[in-house]
């Protein structure tokens, strides 16, 4: 599991955009987004 800090992520649209971008690179990736913590776990 990798944890990334994503600055500027403030809404549900941001969550969808980040998730879609990661899954475009790896369709089998499981993505967990913590909007309040501004972190993405892949």
N, C-alpha and C. Protein backbone atom coordinates (compact mmCIF):
# COMPACT_ATOMS: atom_id res chain seq x y z
N UNK A 1 0.84 -1.18 0.00
CA UNK A 1 0.00 0.00 0.00
C UNK A 1 0.88 1.24 0.00
N UNK A 2 0.49 2.19 -0.81
CA UNK A 2 1.20 3.46 -0.88
C UNK A 2 0.25 4.55 -0.38
N UNK A 3 0.78 5.52 0.35
CA UNK A 3 -0.02 6.65 0.83
C UNK A 3 0.55 7.93 0.22
N UNK A 4 -0.34 8.71 -0.39
CA UNK A 4 0.07 9.96 -1.02
C UNK A 4 -0.68 11.12 -0.40
N UNK A 5 0.00 12.21 -0.15
CA UNK A 5 -0.63 13.45 0.30
C UNK A 5 -0.99 14.26 -0.94
N UNK A 6 -2.25 14.69 -1.03
CA UNK A 6 -2.71 15.42 -2.20
C UNK A 6 -3.20 16.79 -1.75
N UNK A 7 -2.42 17.81 -2.01
CA UNK A 7 -2.78 19.17 -1.64
C UNK A 7 -3.85 19.71 -2.57
N UNK A 8 -4.77 20.49 -2.04
CA UNK A 8 -5.78 21.15 -2.86
C UNK A 8 -7.01 20.29 -3.12
N UNK A 9 -7.08 19.10 -2.55
CA UNK A 9 -8.24 18.24 -2.73
C UNK A 9 -9.31 18.67 -1.73
N UNK A 10 -10.41 19.24 -2.24
CA UNK A 10 -11.39 19.85 -1.34
C UNK A 10 -12.82 19.38 -1.50
N UNK A 11 -13.12 18.56 -2.53
CA UNK A 11 -14.52 18.20 -2.75
C UNK A 11 -14.65 16.82 -3.35
N UNK A 12 -15.89 16.38 -3.50
CA UNK A 12 -16.16 15.08 -4.08
C UNK A 12 -15.69 14.96 -5.51
N UNK A 13 -15.74 16.05 -6.25
CA UNK A 13 -15.26 16.03 -7.63
C UNK A 13 -13.76 15.74 -7.65
N UNK A 14 -13.03 16.31 -6.73
CA UNK A 14 -11.59 16.05 -6.64
C UNK A 14 -11.34 14.57 -6.36
N UNK A 15 -12.13 14.00 -5.47
CA UNK A 15 -11.99 12.58 -5.12
C UNK A 15 -12.20 11.73 -6.37
N UNK A 16 -13.24 12.01 -7.13
CA UNK A 16 -13.52 11.25 -8.35
C UNK A 16 -12.40 11.40 -9.37
N UNK A 17 -11.88 12.61 -9.51
CA UNK A 17 -10.82 12.86 -10.49
C UNK A 17 -9.54 12.11 -10.12
N UNK A 18 -9.18 12.13 -8.86
CA UNK A 18 -7.96 11.44 -8.41
C UNK A 18 -8.14 9.93 -8.57
N UNK A 19 -9.30 9.42 -8.16
CA UNK A 19 -9.57 7.99 -8.27
C UNK A 19 -9.53 7.54 -9.73
N UNK A 20 -10.17 8.30 -10.61
CA UNK A 20 -10.20 7.97 -12.03
C UNK A 20 -8.81 7.98 -12.64
N UNK A 21 -7.99 8.95 -12.26
CA UNK A 21 -6.63 9.05 -12.79
C UNK A 21 -5.78 7.85 -12.37
N UNK A 22 -5.91 7.43 -11.13
CA UNK A 22 -5.13 6.29 -10.65
C UNK A 22 -5.59 5.01 -11.33
N UNK A 23 -6.91 4.83 -11.44
CA UNK A 23 -7.43 3.62 -12.05
C UNK A 23 -7.16 3.57 -13.56
N UNK A 24 -6.95 4.72 -14.18
CA UNK A 24 -6.58 4.74 -15.59
C UNK A 24 -5.18 4.15 -15.78
N UNK A 25 -4.33 4.31 -14.78
CA UNK A 25 -2.98 3.76 -14.84
C UNK A 25 -2.95 2.28 -14.46
N UNK A 26 -3.82 1.91 -13.51
CA UNK A 26 -3.90 0.52 -13.05
C UNK A 26 -5.36 0.21 -12.74
N UNK A 27 -6.02 -0.45 -13.67
CA UNK A 27 -7.44 -0.73 -13.53
C UNK A 27 -7.81 -1.59 -12.34
N UNK A 28 -6.86 -2.35 -11.80
CA UNK A 28 -7.14 -3.21 -10.66
C UNK A 28 -6.79 -2.56 -9.32
N UNK A 29 -6.31 -1.33 -9.35
CA UNK A 29 -5.90 -0.63 -8.12
C UNK A 29 -7.11 -0.36 -7.24
N UNK A 30 -6.93 -0.59 -5.95
CA UNK A 30 -7.96 -0.23 -4.98
C UNK A 30 -7.55 1.11 -4.39
N UNK A 31 -8.44 2.09 -4.52
CA UNK A 31 -8.13 3.46 -4.12
C UNK A 31 -9.01 3.86 -2.96
N UNK A 32 -8.39 4.34 -1.87
CA UNK A 32 -9.12 4.87 -0.73
C UNK A 32 -8.72 6.33 -0.57
N UNK A 33 -9.72 7.21 -0.56
CA UNK A 33 -9.44 8.64 -0.46
C UNK A 33 -9.97 9.17 0.86
N UNK A 34 -9.10 9.85 1.60
CA UNK A 34 -9.47 10.53 2.84
C UNK A 34 -9.48 12.02 2.53
N UNK A 35 -10.67 12.54 2.24
CA UNK A 35 -10.78 13.93 1.82
C UNK A 35 -10.34 14.88 2.94
N UNK A 36 -10.77 14.63 4.16
CA UNK A 36 -10.42 15.51 5.28
C UNK A 36 -8.91 15.50 5.55
N UNK A 37 -8.30 14.32 5.42
CA UNK A 37 -6.86 14.20 5.66
C UNK A 37 -6.03 14.50 4.43
N UNK A 38 -6.72 14.69 3.30
CA UNK A 38 -6.04 14.93 2.01
C UNK A 38 -5.01 13.88 1.68
N UNK A 39 -5.43 12.61 1.89
CA UNK A 39 -4.55 11.49 1.60
C UNK A 39 -5.25 10.51 0.68
N UNK A 40 -4.45 9.84 -0.13
CA UNK A 40 -4.94 8.79 -1.01
C UNK A 40 -4.11 7.55 -0.73
N UNK A 41 -4.80 6.43 -0.47
CA UNK A 41 -4.14 5.15 -0.26
C UNK A 41 -4.43 4.28 -1.47
N UNK A 42 -3.38 3.71 -2.04
CA UNK A 42 -3.52 2.88 -3.23
C UNK A 42 -2.94 1.51 -2.92
